[in-house]
Protein backbone atom coordinates (compact mmCIF):
# COMPACT_ATOMS: atom_id res chain seq x y z
CA MET A 1 -21.83 -16.06 6.41
CA SER A 2 -20.28 -19.45 4.98
CA THR A 3 -17.16 -19.94 3.47
CA LEU A 4 -19.21 -21.39 0.49
CA LEU A 5 -21.98 -18.28 0.38
CA PHE A 6 -18.82 -15.37 0.24
CA SER A 7 -17.16 -17.59 -2.65
CA LEU A 8 -20.47 -17.78 -4.52
CA ILE A 9 -20.85 -13.67 -3.74
CA ILE A 10 -17.90 -12.16 -3.78
CA GLY A 11 -15.48 -14.49 -5.31
CA TYR A 12 -12.76 -16.62 -3.45
CA ASN A 13 -8.81 -17.27 -3.79
CA THR A 14 -7.59 -19.97 -2.30
CA ASN A 15 -3.81 -18.52 -2.19
CA GLU A 16 -4.92 -15.41 -0.44
CA VAL A 17 -6.52 -17.19 1.95
CA LYS A 18 -4.00 -19.81 2.75
CA LYS A 19 -1.56 -17.02 3.14
CA HIS A 20 -3.86 -14.98 6.13
CA LEU A 21 -5.61 -18.30 7.44
CA ILE A 22 -2.74 -20.92 8.93
CA VAL A 23 -4.35 -24.26 9.44
CA ASP A 24 -3.61 -26.91 11.78
CA LYS A 25 -5.35 -30.04 12.63
CA VAL A 26 -6.54 -30.53 15.86
CA ASN A 27 -8.41 -33.69 15.15
CA ASP A 28 -10.30 -35.33 12.74
CA GLY A 29 -13.48 -33.28 12.63
CA ILE A 30 -11.27 -29.76 13.93
CA ASP A 31 -9.02 -27.59 12.30
CA CYS A 32 -7.39 -24.83 14.27
CA ASN A 33 -7.42 -21.63 12.41
CA SER A 34 -4.83 -19.34 13.64
CA LEU A 35 -4.84 -15.05 12.26
CA PHE A 36 -2.52 -12.14 13.41
CA ASP A 37 0.22 -14.19 12.86
CA GLY A 38 -0.98 -16.65 15.52
CA ASP A 39 -1.95 -14.15 17.99
CA LEU A 40 -5.51 -15.52 17.49
CA ILE A 41 -6.83 -19.01 17.51
CA CYS A 42 -10.30 -19.93 16.08
CA GLU A 43 -11.21 -23.88 15.90
CA GLN A 44 -13.58 -24.61 13.44
CA TYR A 45 -15.31 -28.19 12.43
CA LYS A 46 -14.10 -29.35 8.97
CA SER A 47 -17.98 -30.12 7.90
CA GLY A 48 -20.34 -27.53 8.63
CA TYR A 49 -20.37 -23.58 9.12
CA ARG A 50 -16.94 -22.13 8.54
CA PHE A 51 -16.42 -18.28 8.80
CA SER A 52 -15.31 -16.40 5.98
CA ILE A 53 -13.73 -13.25 5.05
CA ASP A 54 -16.75 -11.47 5.42
CA ALA A 55 -16.74 -11.53 9.69
CA VAL A 56 -13.40 -10.29 8.91
CA LEU A 57 -14.65 -7.10 6.58
CA LEU A 58 -17.63 -6.56 9.40
CA ALA A 59 -15.32 -6.73 12.54
CA HIS A 60 -13.38 -4.09 11.13
CA PHE A 61 -16.33 -1.76 10.44
CA VAL A 62 -17.28 -1.98 13.85
CA THR A 63 -17.29 1.34 15.85
CA VAL A 64 -16.11 0.49 19.34
CA LYS A 65 -15.77 3.22 22.30
CA LYS A 66 -14.20 2.82 25.45
CA ASP A 67 -16.32 0.63 28.23
CA ASP A 68 -18.44 -0.32 25.24
CA ARG A 69 -20.76 -3.51 25.85
CA ILE A 70 -21.25 -5.60 22.72
CA LEU A 71 -23.62 -8.22 21.61
CA ASP A 72 -22.98 -10.99 18.66
CA LEU A 73 -26.67 -12.10 17.15
CA GLY A 74 -25.99 -15.69 15.99
CA THR A 75 -22.29 -15.92 16.97
CA GLY A 76 -21.38 -18.96 14.94
CA SER A 77 -17.66 -19.90 16.50
CA GLY A 78 -17.24 -16.45 17.66
CA ILE A 79 -14.82 -14.95 15.00
CA ILE A 80 -16.47 -11.82 15.35
CA LEU A 81 -16.50 -11.27 18.82
CA LEU A 82 -12.32 -13.00 18.84
CA ILE A 83 -11.48 -10.17 16.09
CA LEU A 84 -12.91 -6.94 18.01
CA LEU A 85 -11.56 -8.28 21.29
CA TYR A 86 -8.21 -8.54 19.86
CA ARG A 87 -8.53 -5.26 18.13
CA TYR A 88 -9.39 -3.22 20.65
CA ASP A 89 -8.26 -5.64 24.15
CA LYS A 90 -9.44 -3.65 27.55
CA ILE A 91 -11.11 -0.82 25.39
CA ILE A 92 -14.21 -3.37 25.47
CA ARG A 93 -15.99 -3.53 29.38
CA ASN A 94 -17.58 -7.00 27.97
CA CYS A 95 -19.00 -8.71 24.89
CA ALA A 96 -21.64 -11.84 24.59
CA GLY A 97 -22.47 -13.88 21.79
CA ILE A 98 -26.16 -15.57 21.15
CA GLU A 99 -25.60 -19.04 19.35
CA VAL A 100 -28.70 -21.50 18.81
CA GLN A 101 -27.10 -24.17 17.51
CA ASP A 102 -25.23 -27.12 19.85
CA ARG A 103 -22.25 -27.51 18.38
CA LEU A 104 -21.48 -23.89 17.10
CA PHE A 105 -22.20 -23.17 20.95
CA SER A 106 -19.70 -25.39 22.20
CA LEU A 107 -17.26 -24.62 19.72
CA ALA A 108 -17.46 -20.65 20.63
CA LYS A 109 -17.28 -20.85 24.35
CA ASN A 110 -13.83 -23.02 23.91
CA ASN A 111 -12.64 -20.28 21.21
CA ILE A 112 -13.29 -17.71 23.90
CA LEU A 113 -11.47 -20.05 26.34
CA ASN A 114 -8.23 -20.59 24.34
CA ASN A 115 -7.59 -17.13 23.56
CA SER A 116 -8.22 -16.44 27.37
CA TYR A 117 -10.98 -13.88 26.78
CA LEU A 118 -13.23 -15.56 29.45
CA GLU A 119 -13.27 -12.40 32.26
CA GLN A 120 -14.60 -10.13 28.98
CA CYS A 121 -17.07 -12.47 26.78
CA THR A 122 -19.79 -14.61 27.42
CA ILE A 123 -21.52 -17.22 24.88
CA LEU A 124 -24.79 -17.73 25.62
CA HIS A 125 -27.10 -21.04 24.35
CA GLY A 126 -30.42 -19.80 23.12
CA ASP A 127 -32.63 -18.67 20.27
CA MET A 128 -32.36 -14.44 19.46
CA ARG A 129 -36.23 -15.07 18.80
CA LYS A 130 -36.67 -15.71 22.69
CA ILE A 131 -33.78 -12.82 23.88
CA GLN A 132 -35.64 -11.73 26.53
CA ASP A 133 -35.08 -14.80 28.03
CA LEU A 134 -30.85 -14.45 27.48
CA CYS A 135 -30.08 -10.99 28.55
CA ARG A 136 -31.91 -7.17 29.50
CA ALA A 137 -33.39 -5.29 27.45
CA GLY A 138 -31.23 -2.09 26.50
CA SER A 139 -27.99 -3.65 27.97
CA PHE A 140 -25.21 -3.09 25.46
CA ASP A 141 -23.90 -0.13 23.51
CA SER A 142 -23.66 -2.30 20.53
CA ILE A 143 -24.91 -4.99 18.49
CA VAL A 144 -22.92 -6.75 15.88
CA CYS A 145 -24.61 -9.39 13.39
CA ASN A 146 -23.86 -11.65 10.21
CA PRO A 147 -27.03 -12.82 9.56
CA PRO A 148 -28.21 -15.59 7.07
CA PHE A 149 -29.42 -13.76 3.86
CA TYR A 150 -31.72 -16.21 2.29
CA PRO A 151 -35.49 -16.69 2.50
CA GLU A 152 -35.60 -20.87 3.47
CA HIS A 153 -36.31 -22.88 0.23
CA THR A 154 -34.92 -20.53 -2.14
CA GLY A 155 -31.78 -21.07 -3.89
CA ARG A 156 -28.97 -24.08 -3.59
CA MET A 157 -29.47 -25.26 0.10
CA SER A 158 -26.86 -27.10 1.56
CA THR A 159 -28.21 -30.54 2.90
CA ASN A 160 -25.70 -29.76 5.94
CA ARG A 161 -28.17 -28.55 8.92
CA GLU A 162 -25.25 -25.91 9.85
CA GLU A 163 -24.31 -24.53 6.63
CA LYS A 164 -28.08 -24.26 5.67
CA THR A 165 -28.46 -22.39 8.65
CA ALA A 166 -25.82 -19.74 8.10
CA ARG A 167 -26.78 -19.12 4.30
CA HIS A 168 -30.65 -19.45 5.10
CA GLN A 169 -33.38 -18.10 7.09
CA VAL A 170 -33.95 -21.23 8.96
CA THR A 171 -33.78 -19.87 12.75
CA GLY A 172 -35.31 -16.25 11.70
CA GLU A 173 -35.67 -13.66 8.92
CA ILE A 174 -33.82 -10.48 9.44
CA ASP A 175 -36.91 -8.68 11.30
CA ASP A 176 -36.12 -11.20 13.89
CA PHE A 177 -32.82 -10.35 14.20
CA LEU A 178 -33.56 -6.79 13.78
CA ALA A 179 -36.39 -7.09 16.82
CA ALA A 180 -33.91 -8.61 19.06
CA ALA A 181 -31.16 -6.23 18.45
CA ALA A 182 -33.79 -3.51 19.25
CA TYR A 183 -34.59 -5.37 22.34
CA ALA A 184 -30.76 -5.94 23.19
CA VAL A 185 -29.36 -2.05 22.33
CA LYS A 186 -29.68 0.96 24.25
CA ASN A 187 -31.57 4.03 23.04
CA ARG A 188 -29.05 5.58 20.58
CA GLY A 189 -26.82 2.60 20.89
CA ASN A 190 -25.43 0.97 17.54
CA ILE A 191 -25.87 -1.94 15.34
CA PHE A 192 -23.73 -2.88 12.53
CA PHE A 193 -24.88 -5.87 10.10
CA ILE A 194 -23.63 -6.81 6.57
CA TYR A 195 -25.98 -7.87 4.20
CA PRO A 196 -26.71 -8.30 0.40
CA ALA A 197 -26.34 -5.08 -1.59
CA ASP A 198 -29.56 -5.79 -3.53
CA LEU A 199 -31.49 -6.37 -1.07
CA LEU A 200 -30.79 -3.22 1.04
CA GLY A 201 -33.85 -1.58 0.47
CA GLU A 202 -35.40 -4.41 2.30
CA PHE A 203 -33.17 -4.02 5.20
CA ILE A 204 -33.45 -0.62 5.75
CA LEU A 205 -37.44 -0.76 5.35
CA ALA A 206 -37.30 -3.45 8.43
CA ALA A 207 -34.75 -1.44 10.18
CA SER A 208 -37.03 1.69 10.15
CA ARG A 209 -39.87 -0.59 11.49
CA TYR A 210 -37.54 -1.34 14.80
CA LYS A 211 -36.94 2.72 14.91
CA PHE A 212 -33.37 2.09 13.58
CA GLU A 213 -31.75 4.94 11.49
CA VAL A 214 -29.25 4.21 8.78
CA LYS A 215 -26.39 6.40 9.65
CA LYS A 216 -23.72 4.63 7.42
CA LEU A 217 -23.19 2.48 4.66
CA ARG A 218 -20.33 1.11 2.98
CA PHE A 219 -20.58 -1.17 -0.28
CA VAL A 220 -18.25 -4.08 -0.86
CA TYR A 221 -17.30 -4.90 -4.58
CA SER A 222 -15.42 -8.13 -5.34
CA TYR A 223 -12.74 -5.86 -7.18
CA PRO A 224 -12.14 -2.38 -8.81
CA GLY A 225 -14.39 -2.37 -12.22
CA SER A 226 -16.46 -5.63 -11.58
CA GLN A 227 -19.15 -5.72 -13.73
CA LYS A 228 -21.57 -7.19 -10.92
CA GLY A 229 -21.41 -4.03 -9.01
CA ALA A 230 -21.73 -4.03 -5.25
CA GLN A 231 -22.36 -7.52 -3.90
CA LEU A 232 -22.56 -6.93 -0.24
CA VAL A 233 -23.00 -3.75 2.05
CA LEU A 234 -22.19 -2.69 5.78
CA VAL A 235 -24.70 -1.01 7.78
CA HIS A 236 -24.22 0.93 10.61
CA CYS A 237 -27.38 1.89 12.28
CA SER A 238 -28.72 3.97 15.48
CA LYS A 239 -31.72 3.38 17.42
CA ASN A 240 -33.79 6.50 17.65
CA GLY A 241 -30.89 8.26 15.72
CA GLY A 242 -31.05 11.53 13.84
CA LYS A 243 -31.40 12.06 10.02
CA GLY A 244 -28.57 11.74 7.95
CA VAL A 245 -26.48 9.13 6.06
CA TYR A 246 -22.99 9.06 5.46
CA ILE A 247 -21.86 6.91 2.25
CA SER A 248 -18.28 5.68 2.81
CA GLU A 249 -15.72 5.03 -0.30
CA PRO A 250 -15.96 2.08 -2.14
CA LEU A 251 -14.26 -1.67 -0.25
CA TYR A 252 -12.39 -3.58 -2.67
CA VAL A 253 -11.39 -7.16 -1.42
CA TYR A 254 -9.46 -8.01 -4.32
CA THR A 255 -7.19 -5.88 -6.45
CA GLU A 256 -8.37 -7.35 -9.34
CA LYS A 257 -10.48 -10.57 -10.49
CA ASN A 258 -8.40 -13.53 -9.36
CA GLY A 259 -6.11 -11.66 -7.94
CA LEU A 260 -4.14 -10.56 -4.34
CA TYR A 261 -6.15 -8.96 -1.29
CA THR A 262 -6.50 -4.93 -1.57
CA ARG A 263 -3.96 -2.98 0.99
CA GLU A 264 -6.71 -2.53 2.79
CA VAL A 265 -8.20 -6.12 3.56
CA ASP A 266 -4.63 -7.11 3.81
CA GLU A 267 -3.75 -4.65 6.73
CA TYR A 268 -6.93 -6.26 8.17
CA TYR A 269 -4.88 -9.36 8.77
CA GLN A 270 -1.61 -7.91 10.19
CA LYS A 271 -0.58 -8.42 13.79
CA LYS A 272 -1.37 -5.33 16.07
CA GLY A 273 1.45 -3.08 15.69
CA SER A 274 2.61 -4.29 12.29
CA LEU A 275 0.45 -2.88 9.97
CA ILE A 276 2.06 -2.43 6.22
CA THR A 277 3.68 1.05 5.49
C-alpha cells in the first residue's frame, strides 16, 4: 500500500512519520529513508509508489521460524523483506521478492545490496501471475503480501503508473496473488496478508479456493474509539491447515485522532535491543 492510500484509510500524522523515518536526499529523483536509528536504509523514488506504515505493521505480524524461506509477492522497494531481515537476521535461511515494475525492481535490488543482505535475499523480476517461471512449487515456508486492494477503474485513480498499480489491481486481482502464494508455499506453510477490513469476507472466500485456512486475524484501527471501526486487517492463513481462528487484540496505530503512535507501534520502529521500557 502506498503512503497516499494509507493516509486515506487510517490517517496520517506527519510529525510521527518524520520522527521515525529519517529522509536524506540522494539525488533529484530519489530519497534515502533510514529506519531503526539508521541501521536500515531504504531508497524510494520521490514520485510514484512510496511505502507506508502498513508495511511495518505487516512485517511485525509475520511469524518467522529458524531456517524459514520467505517470499514477498509484489515487493515494491523491498521494505518488508528488509525489516524481516533486520529483525530476524540469520534466523531466516533465505528470502526473495517478486516485482513486475522495472523501476521498483531495480530499487529493491539496490536496497538489498545497500543493506548487505545479498547472501540471504534475491529480488526476482517478473509477473507473479507467471510464478511457475520464477520459482519451484512449494519452495517457500511463508509468503508475505501487501496487495493492491481495489479493482481497476474504481475510486480515485492516480495518474502515476506506480501509484496506481500499488492501489488498484492493475497487475493482478486478489485471486492472482493467492494463486501465486498457493503455488510457491509448501504444504502447511503460512501466508501473511494485510487487507481492508470491510473486504475480509471476500478475502476469506478467495483464500478457501486455494486451500488456505485462516488461522489468525488482527484488526487495525486508526485510534481507540474511532467511529470508523477497523480499517485494515492482518491475516495469517495456513495451506491445508486445520480449523480454528485466533482473533488477536486490536491494533491501534495512534493514541487518539491526530495523536502520536501508540506504544506498540512506536516500538516497531525501535532499534534492536532498545525497546521502550
